[in-house]
Protein backbone atom coordinates (compact mmCIF):
# COMPACT_ATOMS: atom_id res chain seq x y z
CA UNK A 1 0.00 0.00 0.00
CA UNK A 2 1.31 3.43 -0.86
CA UNK A 3 1.07 5.66 2.17
CA UNK A 4 1.33 9.35 1.52
CA UNK A 5 2.21 8.93 -2.14
CA UNK A 6 0.46 10.98 -4.78
CA UNK A 7 -0.49 9.10 -7.91
CA UNK A 8 -0.94 11.22 -11.00
CA UNK A 9 -3.06 10.18 -13.99
CA UNK A 10 -1.02 8.00 -16.29
CA UNK A 11 1.31 6.73 -13.53
CA UNK A 12 1.81 2.98 -13.43
CA UNK A 13 1.07 1.31 -10.12
CA UNK A 14 2.31 -2.19 -9.40
CA UNK A 15 -0.29 -4.47 -7.82
CA UNK A 16 0.96 -7.68 -6.26
CA UNK A 17 -0.59 -10.75 -7.91
CA UNK A 18 -1.34 -12.42 -4.57
CA UNK A 19 -3.08 -9.28 -3.33
CA UNK A 20 -5.12 -9.14 -6.54
CA UNK A 21 -6.17 -12.81 -6.20
CA UNK A 22 -7.16 -12.27 -2.58
CA UNK A 23 -9.25 -9.22 -3.51
CA UNK A 24 -10.88 -11.12 -6.39
CA UNK A 25 -11.75 -14.05 -4.11
CA UNK A 26 -13.32 -11.81 -1.48
CA UNK A 27 -15.40 -9.95 -4.08
CA UNK A 28 -16.48 -13.23 -5.70
CA UNK A 29 -17.48 -14.57 -2.28
CA UNK A 30 -19.37 -11.36 -1.51
CA UNK A 31 -21.33 -11.54 -4.77
CA UNK A 32 -22.08 -15.24 -4.22
CA UNK A 33 -23.31 -14.64 -0.65
CA UNK A 34 -25.53 -11.76 -1.77
CA UNK A 35 -26.89 -13.89 -4.60
CA UNK A 36 -27.80 -16.69 -2.16
CA UNK A 37 -29.43 -14.17 0.18
CA UNK A 38 -31.39 -12.85 -2.80
CA UNK A 39 -32.72 -16.34 -3.54
CA UNK A 40 -33.77 -16.67 0.10
CA UNK A 41 -35.46 -13.24 0.01
CA UNK A 42 -37.47 -14.12 -3.10
CA UNK A 43 -38.51 -17.46 -1.56
CA UNK A 44 -39.62 -15.76 1.66
CA UNK A 45 -41.51 -13.09 -0.26
CA UNK A 46 -43.30 -15.70 -2.38
CA UNK A 47 -44.28 -17.66 0.73
CA UNK A 48 -45.61 -14.61 2.54
CA UNK A 49 -47.40 -13.20 -0.51
CA UNK A 50 -49.20 -16.52 -1.02
CA UNK A 51 -50.27 -16.73 2.62
CA UNK A 52 -53.75 -15.67 3.60
CA UNK A 53 -52.56 -13.40 6.41
CA UNK A 54 -54.80 -10.28 6.69
CA UNK A 55 -51.80 -7.93 6.77
CA UNK A 56 -50.46 -9.41 3.52
CA UNK A 57 -53.88 -9.27 1.88
CA UNK A 58 -54.21 -5.58 2.80
CA UNK A 59 -50.73 -4.84 1.46
CA UNK A 60 -51.45 -6.70 -1.80
CA UNK A 61 -54.68 -4.76 -2.24
CA UNK A 62 -53.07 -1.36 -1.66
CA UNK A 63 -49.96 -2.18 -3.70
CA UNK A 64 -51.97 -3.67 -6.53
CA UNK A 65 -53.65 -0.35 -7.18
CA UNK A 66 -50.42 1.48 -7.94
CA UNK A 67 -47.82 -1.03 -9.14
CA UNK A 68 -49.71 -4.26 -9.73
CA UNK A 69 -49.21 -7.64 -8.12
CA UNK A 70 -45.55 -7.83 -9.14
CA UNK A 71 -44.49 -4.54 -7.54
CA UNK A 72 -43.02 -6.21 -4.46
CA UNK A 73 -40.93 -8.53 -6.60
CA UNK A 74 -39.68 -5.59 -8.67
CA UNK A 75 -38.68 -3.73 -5.51
CA UNK A 76 -36.95 -6.84 -4.16
CA UNK A 77 -35.07 -7.22 -7.45
CA UNK A 78 -33.99 -3.56 -7.37
CA UNK A 79 -32.60 -3.98 -3.85
CA UNK A 80 -30.76 -7.15 -4.92
CA UNK A 81 -29.26 -5.40 -7.96
CA UNK A 82 -28.13 -2.50 -5.79
CA UNK A 83 -26.41 -4.84 -3.33
CA UNK A 84 -24.73 -6.75 -6.16
CA UNK A 85 -23.59 -3.48 -7.74
CA UNK A 86 -21.99 -2.25 -4.51
CA UNK A 87 -20.36 -5.64 -3.91
CA UNK A 88 -18.98 -5.61 -7.45
CA UNK A 89 -17.52 -2.15 -6.82
CA UNK A 90 -15.59 -3.53 -3.85
CA UNK A 91 -17.85 -2.76 -0.90
CA UNK A 92 -17.82 -5.58 1.61
CA UNK A 93 -20.29 -3.53 3.65
CA UNK A 94 -22.91 -4.50 1.05
CA UNK A 95 -22.73 -8.10 2.30
CA UNK A 96 -23.43 -7.03 5.87
CA UNK A 97 -26.23 -4.67 4.95
CA UNK A 98 -27.94 -7.13 2.59
CA UNK A 99 -27.38 -9.96 5.09
CA UNK A 100 -29.08 -7.86 7.76
CA UNK A 101 -31.92 -7.11 5.35
CA UNK A 102 -32.28 -10.85 4.73
CA UNK A 103 -32.31 -11.48 8.47
CA UNK A 104 -35.10 -8.95 9.02
CA UNK A 105 -37.04 -10.53 6.14
CA UNK A 106 -36.59 -13.97 7.72
CA UNK A 107 -37.91 -12.76 11.09
CA UNK A 108 -40.88 -11.04 9.43
CA UNK A 109 -41.69 -14.10 7.29
CA UNK A 110 -41.48 -16.36 10.34
CA UNK A 111 -43.79 -14.11 12.34
CA UNK A 112 -46.33 -13.86 9.51
CA UNK A 113 -46.32 -17.53 8.54
CA UNK A 114 -46.35 -18.87 12.09
CA UNK A 115 -49.25 -16.65 13.16
CA UNK A 116 -47.24 -14.74 15.77
CA UNK A 117 -48.19 -11.42 14.20
């Protein structure tokens, strides 16, 4: 790492191959983890949207007026694309944020489907 050095446009910077492989592996792992969380989020959303819970029925009715029945899936896809974009740009924070989002979705789906809410 260059500490205190100023890099001008056009300057060549040497990147160690091992450091590059390590970075590539961590970004690939981050994208893979977010992708798996996205699959889980879509599965939880499908399960809750198909339930007959009154809260879900009310949400479907109010959402259906403005964006149709697929609006929730479109929003979920937009959030997934945003997380994948940030992970691809090198943000490992995206994994934590999207993982937390998936955790909150899991708790909400559990509460709705088990009748605790």
